[in-house]
């Protein structure tokens, strides 16, 4: 089964359904709708849950909008861009992966 990791601080947001997507660079663009993955914490590799990938959208950094921020459980687009620049300082093309918790 495929695997995806998240920072530990996001676990409650994922399990509560507040965080319904993640944005990754091209190295993690192999996910596709219908794929079931196991989600783990990035820091200590602890299983969080199973997720079904609902959608995959390639998006340019400059085209990120309120829909993307809301799915990431962030109130503003500028906050989303700030967080992403910390993780991917120079990436222009990203992958918006939406998911739902299935177990």
PDB file of N, CA and C in Angstrom:
ATOM      1  N   UNK A   1       0.843  -1.184   0.000  1.00  0.00           N
ATOM      2  CA  UNK A   1       0.000   0.000   0.000  1.00  0.00           C
ATOM      3  C   UNK A   1       0.884   1.241   0.000  1.00  0.00           C
ATOM      4  N   UNK A   2       0.491   2.224  -0.790  1.00  0.00           N
ATOM      5  CA  UNK A   2       1.239   3.473  -0.843  1.00  0.00           C
ATOM      6  C   UNK A   2       1.158   4.203   0.494  1.00  0.00           C
ATOM      7  N   UNK A   3       2.112   5.096   0.693  1.00  0.00           N
ATOM      8  CA  UNK A   3       2.253   5.801   1.959  1.00  0.00           C
ATOM      9  C   UNK A   3       2.359   7.299   1.682  1.00  0.00           C
ATOM     10  N   UNK A   4       1.844   8.097   2.613  1.00  0.00           N
ATOM     11  CA  UNK A   4       1.995   9.543   2.557  1.00  0.00           C
ATOM     12  C   UNK A   4       2.281  10.005   3.984  1.00  0.00           C
ATOM     13  N   UNK A   5       3.098  11.032   4.136  1.00  0.00           N
ATOM     14  CA  UNK A   5       3.428  11.496   5.485  1.00  0.00           C
ATOM     15  C   UNK A   5       2.960  12.939   5.682  1.00  0.00           C
ATOM     16  N   UNK A   6       2.682  13.242   6.949  1.00  0.00           N
ATOM     17  CA  UNK A   6       2.253  14.576   7.369  1.00  0.00           C
ATOM     18  C   UNK A   6       2.978  14.937   8.657  1.00  0.00           C
ATOM     19  N   UNK A   7       3.183  16.223   8.882  1.00  0.00           N
ATOM     20  CA  UNK A   7       3.742  16.659  10.153  1.00  0.00           C
ATOM     21  C   UNK A   7       2.774  16.275  11.275  1.00  0.00           C
ATOM     22  N   UNK A   8       3.325  15.901  12.425  1.00  0.00           N
ATOM     23  CA  UNK A   8       2.506  15.459  13.567  1.00  0.00           C
ATOM     24  C   UNK A   8       1.451  16.490  13.954  1.00  0.00           C
ATOM     25  N   UNK A   9       1.784  17.748  13.831  1.00  0.00           N
ATOM     26  CA  UNK A   9       0.864  18.800  14.248  1.00  0.00           C
ATOM     27  C   UNK A   9      -0.418  18.832  13.413  1.00  0.00           C
ATOM     28  N   UNK A  10      -0.434  18.129  12.275  1.00  0.00           N
ATOM     29  CA  UNK A  10      -1.605  18.120  11.394  1.00  0.00           C
ATOM     30  C   UNK A  10      -2.533  16.934  11.639  1.00  0.00           C
ATOM     31  N   UNK A  11      -2.130  16.015  12.497  1.00  0.00           N
ATOM     32  CA  UNK A  11      -2.890  14.783  12.704  1.00  0.00           C
ATOM     33  C   UNK A  11      -4.346  15.051  13.093  1.00  0.00           C
ATOM     34  N   UNK A  12      -4.584  15.895  14.076  1.00  0.00           N
ATOM     35  CA  UNK A  12      -5.962  16.156  14.530  1.00  0.00           C
ATOM     36  C   UNK A  12      -6.804  16.810  13.435  1.00  0.00           C
ATOM     37  N   UNK A  13      -6.182  17.687  12.664  1.00  0.00           N
ATOM     38  CA  UNK A  13      -6.903  18.336  11.568  1.00  0.00           C
ATOM     39  C   UNK A  13      -7.335  17.318  10.512  1.00  0.00           C
ATOM     40  N   UNK A  14      -6.472  16.354  10.240  1.00  0.00           N
ATOM     41  CA  UNK A  14      -6.785  15.309   9.264  1.00  0.00           C
ATOM     42  C   UNK A  14      -7.903  14.419   9.788  1.00  0.00           C
ATOM     43  N   UNK A  15      -7.756  13.933  11.010  1.00  0.00           N
ATOM     44  CA  UNK A  15      -8.743  13.011  11.577  1.00  0.00           C
ATOM     45  C   UNK A  15     -10.112  13.662  11.787  1.00  0.00           C
ATOM     46  N   UNK A  16     -10.144  14.965  12.034  1.00  0.00           N
ATOM     47  CA  UNK A  16     -11.414  15.670  12.231  1.00  0.00           C
ATOM     48  C   UNK A  16     -12.087  16.048  10.916  1.00  0.00           C
ATOM     49  N   UNK A  17     -11.361  15.917   9.809  1.00  0.00           N
ATOM     50  CA  UNK A  17     -11.919  16.289   8.510  1.00  0.00           C
ATOM     51  C   UNK A  17     -11.755  17.752   8.163  1.00  0.00           C
ATOM     52  N   UNK A  18     -11.027  18.508   8.982  1.00  0.00           N
ATOM     53  CA  UNK A  18     -10.797  19.930   8.692  1.00  0.00           C
ATOM     54  C   UNK A  18      -9.752  20.111   7.591  1.00  0.00           C
ATOM     55  N   UNK A  19      -8.771  19.237   7.562  1.00  0.00           N
ATOM     56  CA  UNK A  19      -7.743  19.259   6.516  1.00  0.00           C
ATOM     57  C   UNK A  19      -8.095  18.161   5.524  1.00  0.00           C
ATOM     58  N   UNK A  20      -8.423  18.558   4.298  1.00  0.00           N
ATOM     59  CA  UNK A  20      -8.874  17.593   3.289  1.00  0.00           C
ATOM     60  C   UNK A  20      -7.967  17.537   2.071  1.00  0.00           C
ATOM     61  N   UNK A  21      -6.809  18.170   2.170  1.00  0.00           N
ATOM     62  CA  UNK A  21      -5.876  18.168   1.040  1.00  0.00           C
ATOM     63  C   UNK A  21      -4.465  18.465   1.520  1.00  0.00           C
ATOM     64  N   UNK A  22      -3.533  18.196   0.628  1.00  0.00           N
ATOM     65  CA  UNK A  22      -2.134  18.509   0.870  1.00  0.00           C
ATOM     66  C   UNK A  22      -1.535  18.979  -0.441  1.00  0.00           C
ATOM     67  N   UNK A  23      -0.544  19.828  -0.359  1.00  0.00           N
ATOM     68  CA  UNK A  23       0.129  20.313  -1.556  1.00  0.00           C
ATOM     69  C   UNK A  23       1.565  19.837  -1.505  1.00  0.00           C
ATOM     70  N   UNK A  24       1.976  19.175  -2.564  1.00  0.00           N
ATOM     71  CA  UNK A  24       3.306  18.586  -2.625  1.00  0.00           C
ATOM     72  C   UNK A  24       4.016  19.006  -3.908  1.00  0.00           C
ATOM     73  N   UNK A  25       5.322  18.722  -3.966  1.00  0.00           N
ATOM     74  CA  UNK A  25       6.076  18.999  -5.187  1.00  0.00           C
ATOM     75  C   UNK A  25       5.970  17.800  -6.134  1.00  0.00           C
ATOM     76  N   UNK A  26       6.640  17.897  -7.281  1.00  0.00           N
ATOM     77  CA  UNK A  26       6.501  16.858  -8.311  1.00  0.00           C
ATOM     78  C   UNK A  26       7.019  15.495  -7.852  1.00  0.00           C
ATOM     79  N   UNK A  27       7.884  15.440  -6.841  1.00  0.00           N
ATOM     80  CA  UNK A  27       8.383  14.147  -6.366  1.00  0.00           C
ATOM     81  C   UNK A  27       7.271  13.315  -5.720  1.00  0.00           C
ATOM     82  N   UNK A  28       6.163  13.975  -5.357  1.00  0.00           N
ATOM     83  CA  UNK A  28       5.031  13.268  -4.758  1.00  0.00           C
ATOM     84  C   UNK A  28       3.768  13.427  -5.605  1.00  0.00           C
ATOM     85  N   UNK A  29       3.940  13.504  -6.906  1.00  0.00           N
ATOM     86  CA  UNK A  29       2.796  13.701  -7.795  1.00  0.00           C
ATOM     87  C   UNK A  29       2.297  12.389  -8.398  1.00  0.00           C
ATOM     88  N   UNK A  30       2.707  11.261  -7.844  1.00  0.00           N
ATOM     89  CA  UNK A  30       2.326   9.954  -8.391  1.00  0.00           C
ATOM     90  C   UNK A  30       0.982   9.448  -7.872  1.00  0.00           C
ATOM     91  N   UNK A  31       0.368  10.157  -6.965  1.00  0.00           N
ATOM     92  CA  UNK A  31      -0.937   9.752  -6.436  1.00  0.00           C
ATOM     93  C   UNK A  31      -2.013   9.977  -7.498  1.00  0.00           C
ATOM     94  N   UNK A  32      -3.119   9.239  -7.392  1.00  0.00           N
ATOM     95  CA  UNK A  32      -4.207   9.375  -8.366  1.00  0.00           C
ATOM     96  C   UNK A  32      -5.542   9.089  -7.671  1.00  0.00           C
ATOM     97  N   UNK A  33      -6.640   9.639  -8.200  1.00  0.00           N
ATOM     98  CA  UNK A  33      -7.957   9.434  -7.581  1.00  0.00           C
ATOM     99  C   UNK A  33      -8.301   7.949  -7.463  1.00  0.00           C
ATOM    100  N   UNK A  34      -8.847   7.597  -6.295  1.00  0.00           N
ATOM    101  CA  UNK A  34      -9.218   6.211  -6.023  1.00  0.00           C
ATOM    102  C   UNK A  34      -8.155   5.418  -5.289  1.00  0.00           C
ATOM    103  N   UNK A  35      -6.922   5.912  -5.295  1.00  0.00           N
ATOM    104  CA  UNK A  35      -5.828   5.228  -4.600  1.00  0.00           C
ATOM    105  C   UNK A  35      -6.035   5.341  -3.095  1.00  0.00           C
ATOM    106  N   UNK A  36      -5.902   4.235  -2.379  1.00  0.00           N
ATOM    107  CA  UNK A  36      -5.964   4.248  -0.921  1.00  0.00           C
ATOM    108  C   UNK A  36      -4.529   4.200  -0.402  1.00  0.00           C
ATOM    109  N   UNK A  37      -4.204   5.128   0.482  1.00  0.00           N
ATOM    110  CA  UNK A  37      -2.852   5.229   1.031  1.00  0.00           C
ATOM    111  C   UNK A  37      -2.920   5.182   2.549  1.00  0.00           C
ATOM    112  N   UNK A  38      -1.810   4.843   3.159  1.00  0.00           N
ATOM    113  CA  UNK A  38      -1.689   4.915   4.615  1.00  0.00           C
ATOM    114  C   UNK A  38      -0.956   6.203   4.955  1.00  0.00           C
ATOM    115  N   UNK A  39      -1.538   6.973   5.850  1.00  0.00           N
ATOM    116  CA  UNK A  39      -0.938   8.239   6.279  1.00  0.00           C
ATOM    117  C   UNK A  39      -0.172   8.023   7.573  1.00  0.00           C
ATOM    118  N   UNK A  40       1.043   8.541   7.605  1.00  0.00           N
ATOM    119  CA  UNK A  40       1.929   8.420   8.763  1.00  0.00           C
ATOM    120  C   UNK A  40       2.449   9.796   9.155  1.00  0.00           C
ATOM    121  N   UNK A  41       2.897   9.904  10.409  1.00  0.00           N
ATOM    122  CA  UNK A  41       3.561  11.132  10.846  1.00  0.00           C
ATOM    123  C   UNK A  41       4.965  11.164  10.263  1.00  0.00           C
ATOM    124  N   UNK A  42       5.357  12.349   9.832  1.00  0.00           N
ATOM    125  CA  UNK A  42       6.679  12.534   9.217  1.00  0.00           C
ATOM    126  C   UNK A  42       7.804  12.340  10.242  1.00  0.00           C
ATOM    127  N   UNK A  43       7.586  12.846  11.443  1.00  0.00           N
ATOM    128  CA  UNK A  43       8.658  12.857  12.436  1.00  0.00           C
ATOM    129  C   UNK A  43       8.980  11.482  13.006  1.00  0.00           C
ATOM    130  N   UNK A  44       7.950  10.673  13.300  1.00  0.00           N
ATOM    131  CA  UNK A  44       8.223   9.388  13.960  1.00  0.00           C
ATOM    132  C   UNK A  44       7.580   8.185  13.269  1.00  0.00           C
ATOM    133  N   UNK A  45       7.080   8.394  12.054  1.00  0.00           N
ATOM    134  CA  UNK A  45       6.561   7.299  11.227  1.00  0.00           C
ATOM    135  C   UNK A  45       5.463   6.502  11.937  1.00  0.00           C
ATOM    136  N   UNK A  46       4.585   7.215  12.647  1.00  0.00           N
ATOM    137  CA  UNK A  46       3.457   6.587  13.333  1.00  0.00           C
ATOM    138  C   UNK A  46       2.229   6.683  12.444  1.00  0.00           C
ATOM    139  N   UNK A  47       1.486   5.582  12.333  1.00  0.00           N
ATOM    140  CA  UNK A  47       0.322   5.570  11.455  1.00  0.00           C
ATOM    141  C   UNK A  47      -0.776   6.478  12.002  1.00  0.00           C
ATOM    142  N   UNK A  48      -1.351   7.295  11.110  1.00  0.00           N
ATOM    143  CA  UNK A  48      -2.454   8.187  11.458  1.00  0.00           C
ATOM    144  C   UNK A  48      -3.775   7.544  11.050  1.00  0.00           C
ATOM    145  N   UNK A  49      -3.877   7.148   9.783  1.00  0.00           N
ATOM    146  CA  UNK A  49      -5.128   6.611   9.257  1.00  0.00           C
ATOM    147  C   UNK A  49      -4.911   6.131   7.821  1.00  0.00           C
ATOM    148  N   UNK A  50      -5.966   5.632   7.225  1.00  0.00           N
ATOM    149  CA  UNK A  50      -5.974   5.361   5.786  1.00  0.00           C
ATOM    150  C   UNK A  50      -6.733   6.495   5.126  1.00  0.00           C
ATOM    151  N   UNK A  51      -6.294   6.856   3.918  1.00  0.00           N
ATOM    152  CA  UNK A  51      -6.946   7.915   3.160  1.00  0.00           C
ATOM    153  C   UNK A  51      -7.196   7.430   1.740  1.00  0.00           C
ATOM    154  N   UNK A  52      -8.289   7.892   1.172  1.00  0.00           N
ATOM    155  CA  UNK A  52      -8.526   7.676  -0.250  1.00  0.00           C
ATOM    156  C   UNK A  52      -8.248   8.990  -0.966  1.00  0.00           C
ATOM    157  N   UNK A  53      -7.451   8.921  -2.012  1.00  0.00           N
ATOM    158  CA  UNK A  53      -7.166  10.108  -2.807  1.00  0.00           C
ATOM    159  C   UNK A  53      -8.419  10.415  -3.629  1.00  0.00           C
ATOM    160  N   UNK A  54      -8.932  11.626  -3.475  1.00  0.00           N
ATOM    161  CA  UNK A  54     -10.164  12.030  -4.150  1.00  0.00           C
ATOM    162  C   UNK A  54      -9.854  12.751  -5.457  1.00  0.00           C
ATOM    163  N   UNK A  55      -8.792  13.537  -5.461  1.00  0.00           N
ATOM    164  CA  UNK A  55      -8.442  14.294  -6.661  1.00  0.00           C
ATOM    165  C   UNK A  55      -6.991  14.717  -6.649  1.00  0.00           C
ATOM    166  N   UNK A  56      -6.462  14.942  -7.828  1.00  0.00           N
ATOM    167  CA  UNK A  56      -5.085  15.411  -7.991  1.00  0.00           C
ATOM    168  C   UNK A  56      -5.115  16.519  -9.042  1.00  0.00           C
ATOM    169  N   UNK A  57      -4.608  17.668  -8.668  1.00  0.00           N
ATOM    170  CA  UNK A  57      -4.621  18.831  -9.570  1.00  0.00           C
ATOM    171  C   UNK A  57      -3.228  19.451  -9.580  1.00  0.00           C
ATOM    172  N   UNK A  58      -2.670  19.613 -10.759  1.00  0.00           N
ATOM    173  CA  UNK A  58      -1.393  20.312 -10.867  1.00  0.00           C
ATOM    174  C   UNK A  58      -1.702  21.809 -10.884  1.00  0.00           C
ATOM    175  N   UNK A  59      -0.993  22.542 -10.057  1.00  0.00           N
ATOM    176  CA  UNK A  59      -1.285  23.972  -9.907  1.00  0.00           C
ATOM    177  C   UNK A  59       0.018  24.746  -9.779  1.00  0.00           C
ATOM    178  N   UNK A  60       0.046  25.892 -10.436  1.00  0.00           N
ATOM    179  CA  UNK A  60       1.197  26.783 -10.329  1.00  0.00           C
ATOM    180  C   UNK A  60       1.112  27.531  -8.996  1.00  0.00           C
ATOM    181  N   UNK A  61       2.258  27.767  -8.381  1.00  0.00           N
ATOM    182  CA  UNK A  61       2.302  28.453  -7.088  1.00  0.00           C
ATOM    183  C   UNK A  61       1.488  29.750  -7.123  1.00  0.00           C
ATOM    184  N   UNK A  62       1.653  30.529  -8.171  1.00  0.00           N
ATOM    185  CA  UNK A  62       0.975  31.827  -8.265  1.00  0.00           C
ATOM    186  C   UNK A  62      -0.536  31.693  -8.433  1.00  0.00           C
ATOM    187  N   UNK A  63      -1.020  30.520  -8.812  1.00  0.00           N
ATOM    188  CA  UNK A  63      -2.458  30.303  -9.041  1.00  0.00           C
ATOM    189  C   UNK A  63      -3.167  29.726  -7.812  1.00  0.00           C
ATOM    190  N   UNK A  64      -2.438  29.505  -6.718  1.00  0.00           N
ATOM    191  CA  UNK A  64      -3.076  29.013  -5.500  1.00  0.00           C
ATOM    192  C   UNK A  64      -4.137  30.008  -5.051  1.00  0.00           C
ATOM    193  N   UNK A  65      -5.286  29.492  -4.592  1.00  0.00           N
ATOM    194  CA  UNK A  65      -6.385  30.376  -4.235  1.00  0.00           C
ATOM    195  C   UNK A  65      -7.044  29.943  -2.926  1.00  0.00           C
ATOM    196  N   UNK A  66      -8.162  30.568  -2.623  1.00  0.00           N
ATOM    197  CA  UNK A  66      -8.889  30.317  -1.367  1.00  0.00           C
ATOM    198  C   UNK A  66      -9.310  28.862  -1.226  1.00  0.00           C
ATOM    199  N   UNK A  67      -9.696  28.233  -2.324  1.00  0.00           N
ATOM    200  CA  UNK A  67     -10.085  26.816  -2.294  1.00  0.00           C
ATOM    201  C   UNK A  67      -8.936  25.949  -1.767  1.00  0.00           C
ATOM    202  N   UNK A  68      -7.729  26.226  -2.232  1.00  0.00           N
ATOM    203  CA  UNK A  68      -6.560  25.464  -1.795  1.00  0.00           C
ATOM    204  C   UNK A  68      -6.273  25.711  -0.316  1.00  0.00           C
ATOM    205  N   UNK A  69      -6.332  26.966   0.093  1.00  0.00           N
ATOM    206  CA  UNK A  69      -6.066  27.308   1.500  1.00  0.00           C
ATOM    207  C   UNK A  69      -7.105  26.663   2.412  1.00  0.00           C
ATOM    208  N   UNK A  70      -8.371  26.729   2.025  1.00  0.00           N
ATOM    209  CA  UNK A  70      -9.438  26.159   2.855  1.00  0.00           C
ATOM    210  C   UNK A  70      -9.265  24.651   3.013  1.00  0.00           C
ATOM    211  N   UNK A  71      -8.932  23.949   1.932  1.00  0.00           N
ATOM    212  CA  UNK A  71      -8.724  22.500   2.004  1.00  0.00           C
ATOM    213  C   UNK A  71      -7.531  22.145   2.890  1.00  0.00           C
ATOM    214  N   UNK A  72      -6.567  23.053   2.989  1.00  0.00           N
ATOM    215  CA  UNK A  72      -5.408  22.861   3.859  1.00  0.00           C
ATOM    216  C   UNK A  72      -5.698  23.335   5.288  1.00  0.00           C
ATOM    217  N   UNK A  73      -6.931  23.768   5.526  1.00  0.00           N
ATOM    218  CA  UNK A  73      -7.371  24.271   6.831  1.00  0.00           C
ATOM    219  C   UNK A  73      -6.609  25.530   7.243  1.00  0.00           C
ATOM    220  N   UNK A  74      -6.391  26.402   6.269  1.00  0.00           N
ATOM    221  CA  UNK A  74      -5.759  27.696   6.531  1.00  0.00           C
ATOM    222  C   UNK A  74      -6.731  28.799   6.123  1.00  0.00           C
ATOM    223  N   UNK A  75      -6.814  29.879   6.906  1.00  0.00           N
ATOM    224  CA  UNK A  75      -7.818  30.905   6.631  1.00  0.00           C
ATOM    225  C   UNK A  75      -7.502  31.819   5.445  1.00  0.00           C
ATOM    226  N   UNK A  76      -6.229  31.941   5.067  1.00  0.00           N
ATOM    227  CA  UNK A  76      -5.857  32.895   4.027  1.00  0.00           C
ATOM    228  C   UNK A  76      -4.841  32.286   3.059  1.00  0.00           C
ATOM    229  N   UNK A  77      -4.925  32.705   1.806  1.00  0.00           N
ATOM    230  CA  UNK A  77      -4.004  32.214   0.775  1.00  0.00           C
ATOM    231  C   UNK A  77      -2.568  32.626   1.102  1.00  0.00           C
ATOM    232  N   UNK A  78      -2.373  33.842   1.609  1.00  0.00           N
ATOM    233  CA  UNK A  78      -0.997  34.274   1.903  1.00  0.00           C
ATOM    234  C   UNK A  78      -0.340  33.365   2.938  1.00  0.00           C
ATOM    235  N   UNK A  79      -1.129  32.823   3.874  1.00  0.00           N
ATOM    236  CA  UNK A  79      -0.572  31.901   4.870  1.00  0.00           C
ATOM    237  C   UNK A  79      -0.157  30.588   4.202  1.00  0.00           C
ATOM    238  N   UNK A  80      -0.985  30.102   3.297  1.00  0.00           N
ATOM    239  CA  UNK A  80      -0.658  28.888   2.557  1.00  0.00           C
ATOM    240  C   UNK A  80       0.640  29.077   1.781  1.00  0.00           C
ATOM    241  N   UNK A  81       0.757  30.191   1.089  1.00  0.00           N
ATOM    242  CA  UNK A  81       1.968  30.455   0.300  1.00  0.00           C
ATOM    243  C   UNK A  81       3.193  30.590   1.198  1.00  0.00           C
ATOM    244  N   UNK A  82       3.024  31.208   2.349  1.00  0.00           N
ATOM    245  CA  UNK A  82       4.143  31.359   3.285  1.00  0.00           C
ATOM    246  C   UNK A  82       4.630  29.985   3.745  1.00  0.00           C
ATOM    247  N   UNK A  83       3.687  29.112   4.150  1.00  0.00           N
ATOM    248  CA  UNK A  83       4.035  27.759   4.601  1.00  0.00           C
ATOM    249  C   UNK A  83       4.725  26.987   3.470  1.00  0.00           C
ATOM    250  N   UNK A  84       4.162  27.062   2.281  1.00  0.00           N
ATOM    251  CA  UNK A  84       4.742  26.315   1.152  1.00  0.00           C
ATOM    252  C   UNK A  84       6.139  26.807   0.796  1.00  0.00           C
ATOM    253  N   UNK A  85       6.382  28.098   0.923  1.00  0.00           N
ATOM    254  CA  UNK A  85       7.723  28.628   0.624  1.00  0.00           C
ATOM    255  C   UNK A  85       8.746  28.135   1.653  1.00  0.00           C
ATOM    256  N   UNK A  86       8.318  27.864   2.862  1.00  0.00           N
ATOM    257  CA  UNK A  86       9.224  27.295   3.865  1.00  0.00           C
ATOM    258  C   UNK A  86       9.631  25.872   3.467  1.00  0.00           C
ATOM    259  N   UNK A  87       8.688  25.113   2.883  1.00  0.00           N
ATOM    260  CA  UNK A  87       8.934  23.722   2.523  1.00  0.00           C
ATOM    261  C   UNK A  87       9.557  23.612   1.133  1.00  0.00           C
ATOM    262  N   UNK A  88       9.035  24.379   0.195  1.00  0.00           N
ATOM    263  CA  UNK A  88       9.495  24.352  -1.207  1.00  0.00           C
ATOM    264  C   UNK A  88       9.891  25.770  -1.628  1.00  0.00           C
ATOM    265  N   UNK A  89      11.105  26.205  -1.283  1.00  0.00           N
ATOM    266  CA  UNK A  89      11.489  27.608  -1.482  1.00  0.00           C
ATOM    267  C   UNK A  89      11.474  28.104  -2.932  1.00  0.00           C
ATOM    268  N   UNK A  90      11.683  27.224  -3.897  1.00  0.00           N
ATOM    269  CA  UNK A  90      11.783  27.695  -5.283  1.00  0.00           C
ATOM    270  C   UNK A  90      10.798  27.026  -6.236  1.00  0.00           C
ATOM    271  N   UNK A  91       9.994  26.117  -5.733  1.00  0.00           N
ATOM    272  CA  UNK A  91       9.094  25.343  -6.595  1.00  0.00           C
ATOM    273  C   UNK A  91       7.995  26.227  -7.181  1.00  0.00           C
ATOM    274  N   UNK A  92       7.794  26.120  -8.493  1.00  0.00           N
ATOM    275  CA  UNK A  92       6.750  26.901  -9.159  1.00  0.00           C
ATOM    276  C   UNK A  92       5.527  26.056  -9.474  1.00  0.00           C
ATOM    277  N   UNK A  93       5.731  24.777  -9.728  1.00  0.00           N
ATOM    278  CA  UNK A  93       4.636  23.878 -10.082  1.00  0.00           C
ATOM    279  C   UNK A  93       4.426  22.877  -8.951  1.00  0.00           C
ATOM    280  N   UNK A  94       3.206  22.819  -8.440  1.00  0.00           N
ATOM    281  CA  UNK A  94       2.903  21.966  -7.295  1.00  0.00           C
ATOM    282  C   UNK A  94       1.738  21.036  -7.619  1.00  0.00           C
ATOM    283  N   UNK A  95       1.472  20.123  -6.711  1.00  0.00           N
ATOM    284  CA  UNK A  95       0.424  19.131  -6.892  1.00  0.00           C
ATOM    285  C   UNK A  95      -0.532  19.218  -5.696  1.00  0.00           C
ATOM    286  N   UNK A  96      -1.789  19.551  -5.969  1.00  0.00           N
ATOM    287  CA  UNK A  96      -2.835  19.667  -4.952  1.00  0.00           C
ATOM    288  C   UNK A  96      -3.552  18.320  -4.884  1.00  0.00           C
ATOM    289  N   UNK A  97      -3.386  17.639  -3.768  1.00  0.00           N
ATOM    290  CA  UNK A  97      -3.914  16.275  -3.580  1.00  0.00           C
ATOM    291  C   UNK A  97      -5.021  16.330  -2.538  1.00  0.00           C
ATOM    292  N   UNK A  98      -6.254  16.083  -2.966  1.00  0.00           N
ATOM    293  CA  UNK A  98      -7.358  16.056  -2.011  1.00  0.00           C
ATOM    294  C   UNK A  98      -7.631  14.613  -1.603  1.00  0.00           C
ATOM    295  N   UNK A  99      -8.086  14.453  -0.356  1.00  0.00           N
ATOM    296  CA  UNK A  99      -8.269  13.115   0.198  1.00  0.00           C
ATOM    297  C   UNK A  99      -9.415  13.089   1.179  1.00  0.00           C
ATOM    298  N   UNK A 100      -9.849  11.879   1.517  1.00  0.00           N
ATOM    299  CA  UNK A 100     -10.803  11.684   2.605  1.00  0.00           C
ATOM    300  C   UNK A 100     -10.305  10.523   3.464  1.00  0.00           C
ATOM    301  N   UNK A 101     -10.556  10.618   4.751  1.00  0.00           N
ATOM    302  CA  UNK A 101     -10.165   9.579   5.686  1.00  0.00           C
ATOM    303  C   UNK A 101     -11.130   8.400   5.498  1.00  0.00           C
ATOM    304  N   UNK A 102     -10.578   7.187   5.359  1.00  0.00           N
ATOM    305  CA  UNK A 102     -11.404   6.005   5.170  1.00  0.00           C
ATOM    306  C   UNK A 102     -11.162   4.938   6.224  1.00  0.00           C
ATOM    307  N   UNK A 103     -10.251   5.173   7.142  1.00  0.00           N
ATOM    308  CA  UNK A 103     -10.024   4.193   8.196  1.00  0.00           C
ATOM    309  C   UNK A 103      -8.818   4.514   9.013  1.00  0.00           C
TER     310      UNK A 103
END
